[in-house]
C-alpha atoms as a PDB file:
ATOM      1  CA  MET A   1     -16.533 -11.758 -42.980  1.00  0.00           C
ATOM      2  CA  THR A   2     -18.981 -12.133 -40.109  1.00  0.00           C
ATOM      3  CA  PHE A   3     -18.468 -13.238 -36.522  1.00  0.00           C
ATOM      4  CA  GLN A   4     -20.424 -16.288 -35.469  1.00  0.00           C
ATOM      5  CA  LEU A   5     -21.202 -16.202 -31.711  1.00  0.00           C
ATOM      6  CA  TYR A   6     -20.525 -19.565 -30.090  1.00  0.00           C
ATOM      7  CA  ILE A   7     -23.259 -20.636 -27.640  1.00  0.00           C
ATOM      8  CA  PRO A   8     -22.410 -24.013 -26.118  1.00  0.00           C
ATOM      9  CA  GLU A   9     -25.492 -26.215 -26.117  1.00  0.00           C
ATOM     10  CA  ASN A  10     -23.946 -28.871 -23.921  1.00  0.00           C
ATOM     11  CA  LEU A  11     -22.665 -26.766 -21.032  1.00  0.00           C
ATOM     12  CA  GLU A  12     -24.413 -27.601 -17.799  1.00  0.00           C
ATOM     13  CA  PHE A  13     -24.682 -24.980 -15.051  1.00  0.00           C
ATOM     14  CA  ARG A  14     -22.653 -27.081 -12.561  1.00  0.00           C
ATOM     15  CA  ASP A  15     -19.834 -27.303 -15.073  1.00  0.00           C
ATOM     16  CA  TYR A  16     -19.999 -23.529 -15.629  1.00  0.00           C
ATOM     17  CA  ILE A  17     -19.741 -22.921 -11.860  1.00  0.00           C
ATOM     18  CA  ALA A  18     -16.874 -25.466 -11.582  1.00  0.00           C
ATOM     19  CA  ILE A  19     -14.925 -23.682 -14.345  1.00  0.00           C
ATOM     20  CA  VAL A  20     -15.448 -20.276 -12.718  1.00  0.00           C
ATOM     21  CA  GLN A  21     -14.354 -21.625  -9.294  1.00  0.00           C
ATOM     22  CA  THR A  22     -11.357 -23.361 -10.812  1.00  0.00           C
ATOM     23  CA  ALA A  23     -10.217 -20.226 -12.640  1.00  0.00           C
ATOM     24  CA  ARG A  24     -10.582 -18.069  -9.518  1.00  0.00           C
ATOM     25  CA  THR A  25      -8.761 -20.598  -7.362  1.00  0.00           C
ATOM     26  CA  PHE A  26      -5.896 -20.661  -9.939  1.00  0.00           C
ATOM     27  CA  ALA A  27      -5.630 -16.844  -9.866  1.00  0.00           C
ATOM     28  CA  ASP A  28      -5.732 -16.898  -6.021  1.00  0.00           C
ATOM     29  CA  GLY A  29      -2.991 -19.545  -6.003  1.00  0.00           C
ATOM     30  CA  TYR A  30      -0.737 -17.208  -7.998  1.00  0.00           C
ATOM     31  CA  ASP A  31      -1.591 -14.153  -5.916  1.00  0.00           C
ATOM     32  CA  ARG A  32      -1.407 -15.788  -2.489  1.00  0.00           C
ATOM     33  CA  LYS A  33       1.669 -17.768  -3.464  1.00  0.00           C
ATOM     34  CA  ASP A  34      -0.274 -20.880  -2.439  1.00  0.00           C
ATOM     35  CA  ALA A  35       0.901 -24.193  -3.872  1.00  0.00           C
ATOM     36  CA  VAL A  36      -2.052 -26.033  -2.213  1.00  0.00           C
ATOM     37  CA  ARG A  37      -4.587 -23.994  -4.209  1.00  0.00           C
ATOM     38  CA  LEU A  38      -2.648 -24.506  -7.440  1.00  0.00           C
ATOM     39  CA  ARG A  39      -2.299 -28.231  -6.855  1.00  0.00           C
ATOM     40  CA  ALA A  40      -6.082 -28.454  -6.370  1.00  0.00           C
ATOM     41  CA  VAL A  41      -6.916 -27.053  -9.802  1.00  0.00           C
ATOM     42  CA  LEU A  42      -4.062 -28.154 -12.090  1.00  0.00           C
ATOM     43  CA  GLY A  43      -4.136 -31.249 -14.185  1.00  0.00           C
ATOM     44  CA  PRO A  44      -1.219 -33.700 -14.133  1.00  0.00           C
ATOM     45  CA  GLN A  45       0.246 -31.851 -17.133  1.00  0.00           C
ATOM     46  CA  ILE A  46      -0.135 -28.211 -18.171  1.00  0.00           C
ATOM     47  CA  ASP A  47       0.717 -26.906 -21.617  1.00  0.00           C
ATOM     48  CA  VAL A  48       2.053 -23.329 -21.208  1.00  0.00           C
ATOM     49  CA  ASP A  49       2.586 -20.835 -23.984  1.00  0.00           C
ATOM     50  CA  TYR A  50       3.589 -17.532 -22.371  1.00  0.00           C
ATOM     51  CA  ARG A  51       5.813 -16.420 -25.274  1.00  0.00           C
ATOM     52  CA  VAL A  52       3.837 -13.214 -25.762  1.00  0.00           C
ATOM     53  CA  VAL A  53       4.269 -12.301 -22.079  1.00  0.00           C
ATOM     54  CA  SER A  54       7.874 -13.304 -21.333  1.00  0.00           C
ATOM     55  CA  ASP A  55      10.850 -14.731 -23.176  1.00  0.00           C
ATOM     56  CA  ALA A  56      12.007 -16.123 -19.794  1.00  0.00           C
ATOM     57  CA  ILE A  57       9.082 -18.634 -19.668  1.00  0.00           C
ATOM     58  CA  PRO A  58       9.615 -21.543 -22.026  1.00  0.00           C
ATOM     59  CA  ASN A  59       6.763 -22.771 -24.212  1.00  0.00           C
ATOM     60  CA  LYS A  60       6.461 -26.339 -22.909  1.00  0.00           C
ATOM     61  CA  THR A  61       4.422 -28.962 -21.103  1.00  0.00           C
ATOM     62  CA  TYR A  62       5.007 -29.010 -17.376  1.00  0.00           C
ATOM     63  CA  THR A  63       4.040 -31.588 -14.799  1.00  0.00           C
ATOM     64  CA  ARG A  64       1.827 -30.129 -12.060  1.00  0.00           C
ATOM     65  CA  GLU A  65       4.772 -30.089  -9.625  1.00  0.00           C
ATOM     66  CA  GLU A  66       7.186 -28.584 -12.147  1.00  0.00           C
ATOM     67  CA  PHE A  67       4.684 -25.812 -12.858  1.00  0.00           C
ATOM     68  CA  ILE A  68       4.153 -25.019  -9.164  1.00  0.00           C
ATOM     69  CA  ALA A  69       7.889 -25.086  -8.396  1.00  0.00           C
ATOM     70  CA  GLY A  70       8.684 -22.916 -11.373  1.00  0.00           C
ATOM     71  CA  PHE A  71       5.906 -20.332 -11.226  1.00  0.00           C
ATOM     72  CA  LEU A  72       5.992 -19.928  -7.451  1.00  0.00           C
ATOM     73  CA  SER A  73       9.804 -19.782  -7.351  1.00  0.00           C
ATOM     74  CA  PRO A  74      11.544 -16.663  -6.018  1.00  0.00           C
ATOM     75  CA  GLU A  75      12.575 -15.866  -9.636  1.00  0.00           C
ATOM     76  CA  ARG A  76       8.910 -15.551 -10.616  1.00  0.00           C
ATOM     77  CA  LEU A  77       5.697 -14.993  -8.663  1.00  0.00           C
ATOM     78  CA  GLY A  78       7.010 -16.571  -5.500  1.00  0.00           C
ATOM     79  CA  ASN A  79       9.275 -13.563  -4.847  1.00  0.00           C
ATOM     80  CA  GLU A  80       8.083 -12.431  -1.408  1.00  0.00           C
ATOM     81  CA  LYS A  81       8.588  -8.731  -2.307  1.00  0.00           C
ATOM     82  CA  LEU A  82       6.314  -9.115  -5.330  1.00  0.00           C
ATOM     83  CA  LEU A  83       2.593  -8.485  -4.944  1.00  0.00           C
ATOM     84  CA  THR A  84       0.314  -9.735  -7.714  1.00  0.00           C
ATOM     85  CA  GLN A  85      -3.345  -9.602  -8.435  1.00  0.00           C
ATOM     86  CA  HIS A  86      -4.818 -11.450 -11.392  1.00  0.00           C
ATOM     87  CA  LEU A  87      -8.309 -10.163 -12.116  1.00  0.00           C
ATOM     88  CA  LEU A  88     -10.465 -12.241 -14.427  1.00  0.00           C
ATOM     89  CA  GLY A  89     -13.199 -10.526 -16.375  1.00  0.00           C
ATOM     90  CA  GLN A  90     -15.927 -12.105 -18.388  1.00  0.00           C
ATOM     91  CA  GLY A  91     -15.156 -15.488 -19.875  1.00  0.00           C
ATOM     92  CA  TYR A  92     -15.877 -16.507 -23.450  1.00  0.00           C
ATOM     93  CA  PHE A  93     -16.447 -20.227 -23.872  1.00  0.00           C
ATOM     94  CA  LYS A  94     -14.680 -21.180 -27.112  1.00  0.00           C
ATOM     95  CA  SER A  95     -15.469 -24.870 -27.081  1.00  0.00           C
ATOM     96  CA  VAL A  96     -17.259 -27.356 -24.816  1.00  0.00           C
ATOM     97  CA  SER A  97     -17.217 -31.152 -24.855  1.00  0.00           C
ATOM     98  CA  ALA A  98     -17.831 -33.727 -22.167  1.00  0.00           C
ATOM     99  CA  SER A  99     -14.075 -33.946 -21.439  1.00  0.00           C
ATOM    100  CA  GLU A 100     -12.661 -30.533 -22.463  1.00  0.00           C
ATOM    101  CA  ILE A 101     -13.660 -26.877 -22.147  1.00  0.00           C
ATOM    102  CA  VAL A 102     -11.691 -23.934 -23.532  1.00  0.00           C
ATOM    103  CA  VAL A 103     -12.381 -20.484 -22.089  1.00  0.00           C
ATOM    104  CA  GLU A 104     -10.837 -17.161 -22.985  1.00  0.00           C
ATOM    105  CA  TRP A 105     -10.938 -14.723 -20.038  1.00  0.00           C
ATOM    106  CA  GLN A 106     -10.398 -10.986 -20.067  1.00  0.00           C
ATOM    107  CA  GLN A 107      -7.498 -10.475 -17.660  1.00  0.00           C
ATOM    108  CA  ILE A 108      -5.667  -7.758 -15.826  1.00  0.00           C
ATOM    109  CA  ALA A 109      -2.471  -8.883 -14.121  1.00  0.00           C
ATOM    110  CA  GLY A 110      -1.232  -6.289 -11.616  1.00  0.00           C
ATOM    111  CA  HIS A 111       2.257  -6.519 -10.111  1.00  0.00           C
ATOM    112  CA  GLY A 112       3.844  -4.371  -7.494  1.00  0.00           C
ATOM    113  CA  ARG A 113       7.048  -4.353  -5.464  1.00  0.00           C
ATOM    114  CA  TRP A 114       6.644  -4.036  -1.675  1.00  0.00           C
ATOM    115  CA  ILE A 115       8.598  -1.202  -0.038  1.00  0.00           C
ATOM    116  CA  ASP A 116      10.917  -2.646   2.594  1.00  0.00           C
ATOM    117  CA  GLY A 117       9.975  -1.428   6.022  1.00  0.00           C
ATOM    118  CA  SER A 118       6.389  -0.475   5.270  1.00  0.00           C
ATOM    119  CA  PRO A 119       4.062  -1.378   8.160  1.00  0.00           C
ATOM    120  CA  PRO A 120       2.566  -4.902   7.858  1.00  0.00           C
ATOM    121  CA  SER A 121      -0.936  -3.494   8.152  1.00  0.00           C
ATOM    122  CA  LYS A 122      -0.339  -0.927   5.421  1.00  0.00           C
ATOM    123  CA  LYS A 123       1.989  -2.476   2.849  1.00  0.00           C
ATOM    124  CA  GLN A 124       3.003  -0.054   0.180  1.00  0.00           C
ATOM    125  CA  VAL A 125       4.557  -0.544  -3.280  1.00  0.00           C
ATOM    126  CA  ASP A 126       7.160   1.577  -4.890  1.00  0.00           C
ATOM    127  CA  ARG A 127       6.963   0.249  -8.460  1.00  0.00           C
ATOM    128  CA  THR A 128       4.320  -1.439 -10.493  1.00  0.00           C
ATOM    129  CA  CYS A 129       3.922  -3.391 -13.705  1.00  0.00           C
ATOM    130  CA  ASP A 130       0.556  -4.255 -15.190  1.00  0.00           C
ATOM    131  CA  GLY A 131      -0.522  -6.362 -18.121  1.00  0.00           C
ATOM    132  CA  LYS A 132      -3.810  -6.440 -19.961  1.00  0.00           C
ATOM    133  CA  SER A 133      -4.504  -9.662 -21.832  1.00  0.00           C
ATOM    134  CA  TYR A 134      -6.880 -12.372 -22.842  1.00  0.00           C
ATOM    135  CA  MET A 135      -6.055 -15.606 -21.015  1.00  0.00           C
ATOM    136  CA  GLU A 136      -7.029 -18.829 -22.760  1.00  0.00           C
ATOM    137  CA  GLN A 137      -7.374 -21.705 -20.309  1.00  0.00           C
ATOM    138  CA  ARG A 138      -8.000 -25.264 -21.388  1.00  0.00           C
ATOM    139  CA  TYR A 139      -9.731 -27.530 -18.871  1.00  0.00           C
ATOM    140  CA  THR A 140      -9.952 -31.326 -18.877  1.00  0.00           C
ATOM    141  CA  LYS A 141     -12.241 -33.400 -16.751  1.00  0.00           C
ATOM    142  CA  ILE A 142     -10.310 -35.795 -14.476  1.00  0.00           C
ATOM    143  CA  ASP A 143     -12.159 -38.076 -12.037  1.00  0.00           C
ATOM    144  CA  GLY A 144     -15.230 -35.833 -12.243  1.00  0.00           C
ATOM    145  CA  TYR A 145     -13.336 -32.548 -11.632  1.00  0.00           C
ATOM    146  CA  TRP A 146     -12.321 -29.872 -14.098  1.00  0.00           C
ATOM    147  CA  LYS A 147      -8.584 -29.234 -14.028  1.00  0.00           C
ATOM    148  CA  ILE A 148      -6.488 -26.684 -15.925  1.00  0.00           C
ATOM    149  CA  ALA A 149      -4.482 -28.368 -18.652  1.00  0.00           C
ATOM    150  CA  GLY A 150      -3.382 -25.409 -20.744  1.00  0.00           C
ATOM    151  CA  LEU A 151      -2.571 -21.687 -20.472  1.00  0.00           C
ATOM    152  CA  LYS A 152      -2.058 -19.264 -23.309  1.00  0.00           C
ATOM    153  CA  PRO A 153      -2.294 -15.462 -22.842  1.00  0.00           C
ATOM    154  CA  SER A 154      -2.692 -12.995 -25.712  1.00  0.00           C
ATOM    155  CA  LEU A 155      -1.152  -9.776 -24.496  1.00  0.00           C
ATOM    156  CA  LEU A 156      -2.976  -6.554 -25.389  1.00  0.00           C
ATOM    157  CA  TYR A 157      -0.465  -4.254 -23.698  1.00  0.00           C
ATOM    158  CA  GLY A 158       1.678  -3.923 -20.632  1.00  0.00           C
ATOM    159  CA  VAL A 159       3.041  -1.065 -18.551  1.00  0.00           C
ATOM    160  CA  GLY A 160       6.430  -1.643 -16.864  1.00  0.00           C
ATOM    161  CA  GLU A 161       8.719  -4.657 -16.980  1.00  0.00           C
ATOM    162  CA  LEU A 162       7.857  -7.686 -14.864  1.00  0.00           C
ATOM    163  CA  GLU A 163      11.341  -9.113 -15.126  1.00  0.00           C
ATOM    164  CA  ASP A 164      12.737  -5.923 -13.566  1.00  0.00           C
ATOM    165  CA  LEU A 165      10.371  -6.230 -10.557  1.00  0.00           C
ATOM    166  CA  VAL A 166      11.077  -9.870 -10.029  1.00  0.00           C
ATOM    167  CA  ALA A 167      14.849  -9.557 -10.507  1.00  0.00           C
ATOM    168  CA  GLU A 168      15.297  -6.945  -7.769  1.00  0.00           C
ATOM    169  CA  GLN A 169      16.042  -8.628  -4.445  1.00  0.00           C
END
């Protein structure tokens, strides 16, 4: 069996830049716990399949507001003691059409728990949990803008337990 490299012939540079900016804004929305950023890049509905990452996250279709409320809740990434950084590596465009683009990113998701009482200018973590994965994001074009309509990670490996970091109050 051979691997056939997919080179999209119909991907314009402005769409490429829009996808990169959208993906980065999404990661920043997670990490900065910023609903405004997430709202700017999410479509009206988002299909989420995080089964390989966490049994606590149901495989379902969320509305934009359900997604933001759930994923930025104190029980998940909105926990103020939880630091996250989602680093996106090189993207692989899996399919491109005029209305939908699917990209698989290399991803490192770092999570740490702030130590209570550490100086604000020098926040320190006492425990960490990291995941290495591929993150497939599906984008749809809505009113001329690319919006995230689907998320599906493929976990390579993880170190530590995210649920343990989030559960500690």
